[in-house]
Amino acid sequence: MDITGLTAPQRWADRAAKELEKLQEDAEDADKELSFREMWREDAIRDQLIALMDKCWYCETLFDRSPYIVDHYRPKSAIVGEAKHRGYWWLAYDPTNYRLTCHYCNSGGARYGNRSAGPGKGARFPLLGQRASAGESLERELPVLLDPVVAEDVDLVGFDGQGYVRRRPERLHSDEEVAHDLCRVDETIRILALNADRLTERRSALIDKVKGLVELYLIRRDDVVVAPYARKEIDDLTRTTAEWSAAAAAAERLALLAYGRSGDEVPPHGEAMHDVTERVSGETEPPAATTAAHRVNLRTLVAALPSEAFSAGGIELTGRGKRGPVKATLRADGIIMCFQQPLATPTSAARMATGDDQVDGWTFWSLTMNGTTRTLSDLRDFLIAQDG
């Protein structure tokens, strides 16, 4: 999502400047509650956001009969989990802080079967590291929540054949993620419920459709009627303005790889092939095991466990939250199935299971093997010691 051309109309900007002056005066009094004039709801700004992308910037769902919500990427008035924080009030009228979102991503309501997927983004904005204050540079912040306008963030995301969002396995975790035992992609999936039932079901159907069209195009490439039809359908589904176009583009790449082709070898009849190289999880071999890898996901940990431990389909993980005991399943591929949702990191799985945004999954989850119960943290520390 490119917002470099996003500018506020002069009259709107002048009014916003006056509102910001009031906020600055009020913010000097730590006890005074800040109030906002909701100018971001006005057509002068909202229509510009819609013109950039007429779908949810987070989950890519079209706004069919649903309201357009202008979200403050950095929350304007509060931060969940930080009771005394007053939010990024100085960005309240900054259009570059606006993201167009659906109700589910912003306010919750998505479902995993008969279970709520959580409250949505709202004022949740965790960081890896220190939070900036008014007047300080935001570049030193590393938000946990991926930003749809940051190319490096978008590049971390891939999809599997079942329509689930995944971290691209060839993308190594940052030093900050390793230091916090956390995966930004997994946390974004959890907070925004990007793998909620309706989304995965519909993305899965789209992926199957795209794969079928690519197969038709390759098989009938010399057919002057069928080939142009298939190519146009693929282009329409992978165009960035289309619903779930990122998943469609990933499916196109996967289908081409299955036929031993690359995008360069199969030029489209219409617009240029989308740059979807390595967008699908599993296309590339995972990076070699390193000490850092042990600290975020479970891929290297499960490789050290006996294969027979997974003979029943997985190893049971147990933990105890505020509402009682919870269970999950650790699969041989390093994925944790929690409430029938696949997650690659223990912390995101524990937070999904408990609804607690602060819990550490490595110490939360335990497993029992050969009569001995140990936490995932204990197993990880053992592997790190072995690496050393």
Protein backbone atom coordinates (compact mmCIF):
# COMPACT_ATOMS: atom_id res chain seq x y z
CA MET A 1 0.00 0.00 0.00
CA ASP A 2 1.66 3.21 -1.20
CA ILE A 3 0.49 6.30 0.72
CA THR A 4 3.25 8.65 -0.40
CA GLY A 5 0.74 10.68 -2.41
CA LEU A 6 -1.74 10.99 0.45
CA THR A 7 -2.24 14.66 1.31
CA ALA A 8 -4.98 16.41 3.25
CA PRO A 9 -7.01 19.16 1.53
CA GLN A 10 -5.79 22.57 2.69
CA ARG A 11 -9.01 23.55 4.47
CA TRP A 12 -9.07 20.24 6.34
CA ALA A 13 -5.38 20.57 7.21
CA ASP A 14 -5.91 24.10 8.57
CA ARG A 15 -8.73 22.93 10.82
CA ALA A 16 -6.68 19.93 11.92
CA ALA A 17 -3.78 22.21 12.87
CA LYS A 18 -6.06 24.20 15.18
CA GLU A 19 -7.34 21.00 16.81
CA LEU A 20 -3.78 19.82 17.34
CA GLU A 21 -2.88 23.09 19.04
CA LYS A 22 -5.69 22.49 21.54
CA LEU A 23 -4.47 18.95 22.13
CA GLN A 24 -0.94 20.16 22.80
CA GLU A 25 -2.20 22.57 25.42
CA ASP A 26 -4.38 19.92 27.08
CA ALA A 27 -1.58 17.33 26.98
CA GLU A 28 0.58 19.56 29.19
CA ASP A 29 -1.84 18.79 32.03
CA ALA A 30 -1.28 15.12 32.88
CA ASP A 31 -4.62 14.93 34.68
CA LYS A 32 -6.70 16.41 31.90
CA GLU A 33 -8.63 14.04 29.67
CA LEU A 34 -7.92 14.57 25.99
CA SER A 35 -10.85 15.06 23.64
CA PHE A 36 -10.79 14.69 19.88
CA ARG A 37 -12.84 16.07 17.04
CA GLU A 38 -13.32 13.07 14.75
CA MET A 39 -12.21 14.76 11.56
CA TRP A 40 -10.79 11.51 10.17
CA ARG A 41 -14.37 10.37 9.56
CA GLU A 42 -14.98 13.21 7.10
CA ASP A 43 -15.24 12.49 3.38
CA ALA A 44 -12.36 14.85 2.64
CA ILE A 45 -9.98 12.28 4.13
CA ARG A 46 -11.90 9.03 3.99
CA ASP A 47 -12.55 9.28 0.25
CA GLN A 48 -8.83 9.61 -0.37
CA LEU A 49 -8.16 6.45 1.61
CA ILE A 50 -10.89 4.60 -0.27
CA ALA A 51 -9.42 5.77 -3.58
CA LEU A 52 -6.08 4.25 -2.59
CA MET A 53 -7.57 0.84 -1.74
CA ASP A 54 -11.28 0.05 -1.50
CA LYS A 55 -10.84 -2.91 0.84
CA CYS A 56 -9.60 -3.52 4.37
CA TRP A 57 -5.91 -2.69 4.39
CA TYR A 58 -5.28 -5.43 6.96
CA CYS A 59 -7.28 -8.49 5.83
CA GLU A 60 -8.05 -7.41 2.21
CA THR A 61 -11.78 -8.05 2.53
CA LEU A 62 -13.95 -5.82 0.34
CA PHE A 63 -16.35 -3.41 2.05
CA ASP A 64 -19.55 -5.02 0.79
CA ARG A 65 -22.37 -3.44 2.83
CA SER A 66 -20.00 -2.82 5.72
CA PRO A 67 -18.80 0.55 7.05
CA TYR A 68 -15.47 2.11 6.20
CA ILE A 69 -13.54 2.56 9.44
CA VAL A 70 -10.53 4.87 9.57
CA ASP A 71 -8.14 3.28 12.04
CA HIS A 72 -5.26 5.10 13.72
CA TYR A 73 -2.36 2.68 13.22
CA ARG A 74 -0.72 4.21 16.27
CA PRO A 75 -3.69 4.64 18.65
CA LYS A 76 -4.55 8.25 19.31
CA SER A 77 -5.78 8.25 22.94
CA ALA A 78 -4.75 5.09 24.79
CA ILE A 79 -2.57 1.96 24.60
CA VAL A 80 -3.99 -1.36 25.80
CA GLY A 81 -1.88 -2.70 28.67
CA GLU A 82 -0.40 0.70 29.52
CA ALA A 83 -2.93 2.35 31.81
CA LYS A 84 -1.12 5.68 32.12
CA HIS A 85 -0.29 6.08 28.44
CA ARG A 86 -2.31 8.73 26.58
CA GLY A 87 -1.69 7.33 23.14
CA TYR A 88 -0.12 9.03 20.14
CA TRP A 89 -2.36 12.09 20.45
CA TRP A 90 -0.03 14.18 18.28
CA LEU A 91 -0.80 11.83 15.34
CA ALA A 92 -4.60 12.11 15.69
CA TYR A 93 -4.86 14.39 12.65
CA ASP A 94 -1.93 12.98 10.66
CA PRO A 95 -3.32 11.21 7.54
CA THR A 96 -0.17 9.08 7.25
CA ASN A 97 -1.27 7.39 10.51
CA TYR A 98 -4.65 6.39 9.03
CA ARG A 99 -5.42 2.89 7.80
CA LEU A 100 -8.74 1.83 6.25
CA THR A 101 -10.06 -1.20 8.11
CA CYS A 102 -13.08 -3.45 8.45
CA HIS A 103 -15.08 -3.88 11.66
CA TYR A 104 -13.59 -7.33 12.36
CA CYS A 105 -9.95 -6.19 12.21
CA ASN A 106 -10.63 -3.01 14.16
CA SER A 107 -13.23 -4.06 16.74
CA GLY A 108 -13.39 -7.86 16.73
CA GLY A 109 -16.32 -10.17 16.05
CA ALA A 110 -14.53 -12.79 13.96
CA ARG A 111 -14.94 -16.44 14.97
CA TYR A 112 -12.93 -19.62 15.28
CA GLY A 113 -15.79 -22.11 15.15
CA ASN A 114 -17.94 -21.36 18.21
CA ARG A 115 -15.25 -19.24 19.85
CA SER A 116 -14.60 -15.51 19.59
CA ALA A 117 -11.33 -14.60 17.89
CA GLY A 118 -10.83 -11.64 20.23
CA PRO A 119 -11.41 -7.89 20.40
CA GLY A 120 -9.51 -6.84 17.26
CA LYS A 121 -6.82 -4.19 16.99
CA GLY A 122 -8.52 -1.20 18.63
CA ALA A 123 -5.98 0.49 20.89
CA ARG A 124 -3.65 -2.53 20.99
CA PHE A 125 -0.20 -1.47 19.83
CA PRO A 126 2.60 -3.51 21.46
CA LEU A 127 6.21 -2.76 20.60
CA LEU A 128 9.51 -4.59 20.61
CA GLY A 129 11.53 -2.01 22.50
CA GLN A 130 10.93 1.53 23.69
CA ARG A 131 7.91 3.69 22.81
CA ALA A 132 8.42 7.16 21.34
CA SER A 133 7.07 10.27 23.02
CA ALA A 134 5.65 13.37 21.37
CA GLY A 135 8.29 15.06 19.25
CA GLU A 136 10.54 12.01 19.10
CA SER A 137 11.27 10.06 15.93
CA LEU A 138 9.01 7.07 15.32
CA GLU A 139 11.75 5.31 13.35
CA ARG A 140 13.24 3.88 16.52
CA GLU A 141 10.02 2.03 17.28
CA LEU A 142 9.46 -1.53 16.08
CA PRO A 143 5.72 -2.26 16.28
CA VAL A 144 4.67 -5.85 16.78
CA LEU A 145 1.69 -5.30 14.49
CA LEU A 146 2.71 -5.41 10.83
CA ASP A 147 1.97 -2.23 8.91
CA PRO A 148 0.28 -2.66 5.49
CA VAL A 149 2.02 0.48 4.18
CA VAL A 150 5.53 -0.80 5.02
CA ALA A 151 6.92 -2.97 2.21
CA GLU A 152 9.31 -4.82 4.51
CA ASP A 153 6.40 -5.85 6.75
CA VAL A 154 4.23 -7.01 3.85
CA ASP A 155 7.17 -9.02 2.49
CA LEU A 156 7.15 -11.20 5.63
CA VAL A 157 3.68 -12.60 4.90
CA GLY A 158 2.81 -15.68 2.85
CA PHE A 159 -0.07 -18.14 2.52
CA ASP A 160 -0.48 -21.91 2.42
CA GLY A 161 -2.74 -23.94 0.14
CA GLN A 162 -5.52 -24.05 2.75
CA GLY A 163 -5.85 -20.27 2.83
CA TYR A 164 -4.00 -19.66 6.11
CA VAL A 165 -1.72 -16.68 6.53
CA ARG A 166 1.84 -17.69 7.42
CA ARG A 167 5.23 -16.13 7.92
CA ARG A 168 7.38 -16.85 4.88
CA PRO A 169 9.81 -19.49 6.21
CA GLU A 170 12.81 -18.08 4.35
CA ARG A 171 12.46 -14.74 6.16
CA LEU A 172 14.65 -14.84 9.26
CA HIS A 173 13.39 -13.32 12.49
CA SER A 174 14.82 -9.95 13.44
CA ASP A 175 17.16 -9.54 16.40
CA GLU A 176 14.35 -7.80 18.28
CA GLU A 177 11.98 -10.72 17.71
CA VAL A 178 14.62 -13.15 18.94
CA ALA A 179 15.27 -11.03 22.02
CA HIS A 180 11.55 -11.05 22.88
CA ASP A 181 10.86 -14.69 21.84
CA LEU A 182 8.15 -13.38 19.54
CA CYS A 183 7.12 -13.54 15.87
CA ARG A 184 5.54 -10.34 14.52
CA VAL A 185 3.63 -12.21 11.81
CA ASP A 186 2.07 -14.66 14.28
CA GLU A 187 1.10 -11.83 16.62
CA THR A 188 -0.46 -9.85 13.76
CA ILE A 189 -2.43 -12.92 12.68
CA ARG A 190 -3.66 -13.38 16.25
CA ILE A 191 -4.54 -9.75 16.97
CA LEU A 192 -6.38 -9.20 13.68
CA ALA A 193 -7.82 -12.74 13.49
CA LEU A 194 -6.44 -13.07 9.95
CA ASN A 195 -7.03 -16.83 10.03
CA ALA A 196 -10.63 -16.69 11.23
CA ASP A 197 -12.91 -19.35 9.76
CA ARG A 198 -14.68 -17.29 7.12
CA LEU A 199 -11.44 -15.77 5.87
CA THR A 200 -9.57 -19.05 5.52
CA GLU A 201 -12.52 -20.80 3.88
CA ARG A 202 -12.97 -18.08 1.27
CA ARG A 203 -9.23 -17.65 0.67
CA SER A 204 -8.92 -21.41 0.22
CA ALA A 205 -11.63 -21.38 -2.45
CA LEU A 206 -9.88 -18.48 -4.17
CA ILE A 207 -6.53 -20.28 -4.11
CA ASP A 208 -8.10 -23.38 -5.68
CA LYS A 209 -9.69 -21.22 -8.38
CA VAL A 210 -6.43 -19.48 -9.24
CA LYS A 211 -4.50 -22.75 -9.35
CA GLY A 212 -7.12 -24.19 -11.71
CA LEU A 213 -6.91 -21.13 -13.96
CA VAL A 214 -3.11 -21.30 -14.09
CA GLU A 215 -3.30 -24.99 -15.00
CA LEU A 216 -5.84 -24.19 -17.72
CA TYR A 217 -3.65 -21.38 -19.05
CA LEU A 218 -0.54 -23.57 -19.22
CA ILE A 219 -2.27 -26.55 -20.78
CA ARG A 220 -4.22 -24.49 -23.34
CA ARG A 221 -1.66 -21.76 -23.91
CA ASP A 222 -1.90 -22.10 -27.69
CA ASP A 223 -5.69 -21.82 -27.68
CA VAL A 224 -6.52 -18.29 -28.88
CA VAL A 225 -9.80 -18.32 -26.95
CA VAL A 226 -9.08 -20.24 -23.74
CA ALA A 227 -5.61 -18.88 -22.96
CA PRO A 228 -6.56 -15.16 -23.08
CA TYR A 229 -9.66 -15.91 -20.98
CA ALA A 230 -7.63 -17.73 -18.30
CA ARG A 231 -4.94 -15.06 -18.30
CA LYS A 232 -7.48 -12.26 -17.86
CA GLU A 233 -9.19 -14.09 -15.00
CA ILE A 234 -5.83 -14.56 -13.26
CA ASP A 235 -4.91 -10.92 -13.76
CA ASP A 236 -8.26 -9.80 -12.35
CA LEU A 237 -7.90 -11.96 -9.24
CA THR A 238 -4.28 -10.96 -8.54
CA ARG A 239 -4.71 -7.24 -9.18
CA THR A 240 -3.93 -5.36 -5.98
CA THR A 241 -7.43 -3.87 -5.81
CA ALA A 242 -9.05 -7.32 -5.83
CA GLU A 243 -10.28 -9.03 -2.68
CA TRP A 244 -7.52 -11.17 -1.08
CA SER A 245 -5.21 -10.45 -4.03
CA ALA A 246 -2.11 -11.35 -1.99
CA ALA A 247 -3.41 -14.90 -1.49
CA ALA A 248 -4.34 -15.12 -5.18
CA ALA A 249 -0.86 -13.97 -6.21
CA ALA A 250 0.68 -16.57 -3.89
CA ALA A 251 -1.52 -19.27 -5.44
CA GLU A 252 -0.41 -18.21 -8.93
CA ARG A 253 3.23 -18.55 -7.98
CA LEU A 254 2.66 -21.93 -6.32
CA ALA A 255 0.86 -23.27 -9.39
CA LEU A 256 3.65 -22.09 -11.68
CA LEU A 257 6.26 -23.74 -9.45
CA ALA A 258 4.27 -26.98 -9.51
CA TYR A 259 4.64 -26.97 -13.31
CA GLY A 260 8.33 -26.18 -13.11
CA ARG A 261 7.75 -22.66 -14.45
CA SER A 262 8.58 -19.22 -13.14
CA GLY A 263 6.76 -15.98 -13.70
CA ASP A 264 9.42 -14.89 -16.20
CA GLU A 265 8.93 -18.04 -18.27
CA VAL A 266 5.17 -17.51 -18.60
CA PRO A 267 4.54 -13.87 -19.50
CA PRO A 268 0.87 -12.81 -19.27
CA HIS A 269 -1.10 -11.60 -22.26
CA GLY A 270 -2.19 -8.49 -20.36
CA GLU A 271 -0.35 -6.68 -17.61
CA ALA A 272 2.99 -7.81 -16.23
CA MET A 273 3.16 -10.82 -13.95
CA HIS A 274 2.89 -9.74 -10.32
CA ASP A 275 6.05 -10.03 -8.26
CA VAL A 276 5.04 -12.93 -6.09
CA THR A 277 8.36 -14.72 -5.83
CA GLU A 278 8.49 -17.05 -2.82
CA ARG A 279 5.15 -15.87 -1.47
CA VAL A 280 3.92 -19.32 -0.53
CA SER A 281 5.07 -21.00 2.65
CA GLY A 282 7.00 -24.16 1.95
CA GLU A 283 8.43 -23.09 -1.42
CA THR A 284 11.92 -22.80 -0.02
CA GLU A 285 13.88 -24.82 2.46
CA PRO A 286 13.86 -23.33 5.96
CA PRO A 287 17.12 -21.72 7.03
CA ALA A 288 19.69 -23.82 8.79
CA ALA A 289 19.12 -24.29 12.49
CA THR A 290 20.78 -21.62 14.59
CA THR A 291 20.74 -20.67 18.23
CA ALA A 292 18.49 -17.74 17.30
CA ALA A 293 16.01 -20.09 15.62
CA HIS A 294 15.50 -21.92 18.89
CA ARG A 295 14.35 -18.72 20.51
CA VAL A 296 11.28 -17.97 18.40
CA ASN A 297 9.70 -20.97 16.71
CA LEU A 298 9.64 -24.71 17.35
CA ARG A 299 11.00 -26.03 14.05
CA THR A 300 14.44 -26.85 15.41
CA LEU A 301 13.08 -28.07 18.72
CA VAL A 302 10.81 -30.72 17.24
CA ALA A 303 13.65 -31.92 15.01
CA ALA A 304 15.49 -32.93 18.18
CA LEU A 305 12.55 -34.94 19.53
CA PRO A 306 12.08 -38.63 18.67
CA SER A 307 9.83 -39.11 15.65
CA GLU A 308 7.75 -41.72 17.47
CA ALA A 309 6.60 -38.99 19.86
CA PHE A 310 4.45 -37.65 17.01
CA SER A 311 2.98 -41.02 16.01
CA ALA A 312 -0.45 -40.07 17.34
CA GLY A 313 -0.49 -36.91 15.24
CA GLY A 314 1.27 -34.69 17.72
CA ILE A 315 2.39 -34.11 21.29
CA GLU A 316 -0.07 -32.69 23.79
CA LEU A 317 0.87 -29.35 25.30
CA THR A 318 -0.72 -28.20 28.54
CA GLY A 319 -0.87 -24.88 30.30
CA ARG A 320 -2.91 -23.13 32.94
CA GLY A 321 -4.50 -19.75 32.33
CA LYS A 322 -6.65 -17.55 34.55
CA ARG A 323 -9.75 -19.51 33.53
CA GLY A 324 -8.21 -22.93 34.11
CA PRO A 325 -6.20 -25.51 32.17
CA VAL A 326 -5.85 -25.32 28.40
CA LYS A 327 -4.45 -27.77 25.87
CA ALA A 328 -2.88 -27.61 22.44
CA THR A 329 -1.08 -29.98 20.08
CA LEU A 330 2.50 -29.69 18.88
CA ARG A 331 2.87 -31.16 15.40
CA ALA A 332 6.00 -32.64 13.84
CA ASP A 333 6.37 -29.60 11.56
CA GLY A 334 6.72 -27.28 14.55
CA ILE A 335 3.18 -25.91 14.32
CA ILE A 336 1.02 -25.62 17.45
CA MET A 337 -2.68 -26.30 16.90
CA CYS A 338 -4.69 -24.25 19.36
CA PHE A 339 -8.49 -24.10 19.01
CA GLN A 340 -7.95 -25.68 15.58
CA GLN A 341 -5.78 -22.73 14.60
CA PRO A 342 -2.16 -23.27 13.45
CA LEU A 343 0.49 -21.04 15.03
CA ALA A 344 4.24 -21.25 14.62
CA THR A 345 5.26 -19.74 17.95
CA PRO A 346 4.51 -20.80 21.54
CA THR A 347 3.83 -17.26 22.74
CA SER A 348 1.16 -16.48 20.15
CA ALA A 349 -0.47 -19.86 20.81
CA ALA A 350 -0.53 -19.21 24.56
CA ARG A 351 -1.98 -15.74 24.06
CA MET A 352 -4.68 -17.12 21.80
CA ALA A 353 -5.50 -19.81 24.36
CA THR A 354 -5.68 -17.44 27.33
CA GLY A 355 -6.63 -14.06 25.86
CA ASP A 356 -3.66 -12.63 27.77
CA ASP A 357 -1.46 -10.37 25.63
CA GLN A 358 1.43 -10.59 28.10
CA VAL A 359 1.88 -14.33 28.69
CA ASP A 360 5.17 -16.00 27.68
CA GLY A 361 4.37 -19.16 25.77
CA TRP A 362 7.74 -20.78 26.35
CA THR A 363 7.16 -20.98 30.09
CA PHE A 364 3.38 -21.40 29.75
CA TRP A 365 3.36 -24.64 27.73
CA SER A 366 4.60 -27.96 29.10
CA LEU A 367 4.85 -31.40 27.54
CA THR A 368 5.36 -34.85 29.01
CA MET A 369 7.72 -37.40 27.52
CA ASN A 370 8.85 -40.66 29.10
CA GLY A 371 7.05 -39.71 32.29
CA THR A 372 8.87 -36.39 32.64
CA THR A 373 7.08 -33.04 32.30
CA ARG A 374 9.09 -30.04 31.15
CA THR A 375 8.31 -26.59 29.84
CA LEU A 376 9.19 -25.63 26.30
CA SER A 377 11.62 -23.15 27.81
CA ASP A 378 13.50 -25.97 29.51
CA LEU A 379 13.73 -27.90 26.24
CA ARG A 380 14.84 -24.81 24.35
CA ASP A 381 17.58 -24.01 26.87
CA PHE A 382 18.85 -27.56 26.54
CA LEU A 383 19.07 -27.23 22.74
CA ILE A 384 20.83 -23.87 22.98
CA ALA A 385 23.36 -25.43 25.36
CA GLN A 386 23.90 -28.24 22.89
CA ASP A 387 24.55 -25.69 20.11
CA GLY A 388 27.08 -24.00 22.29
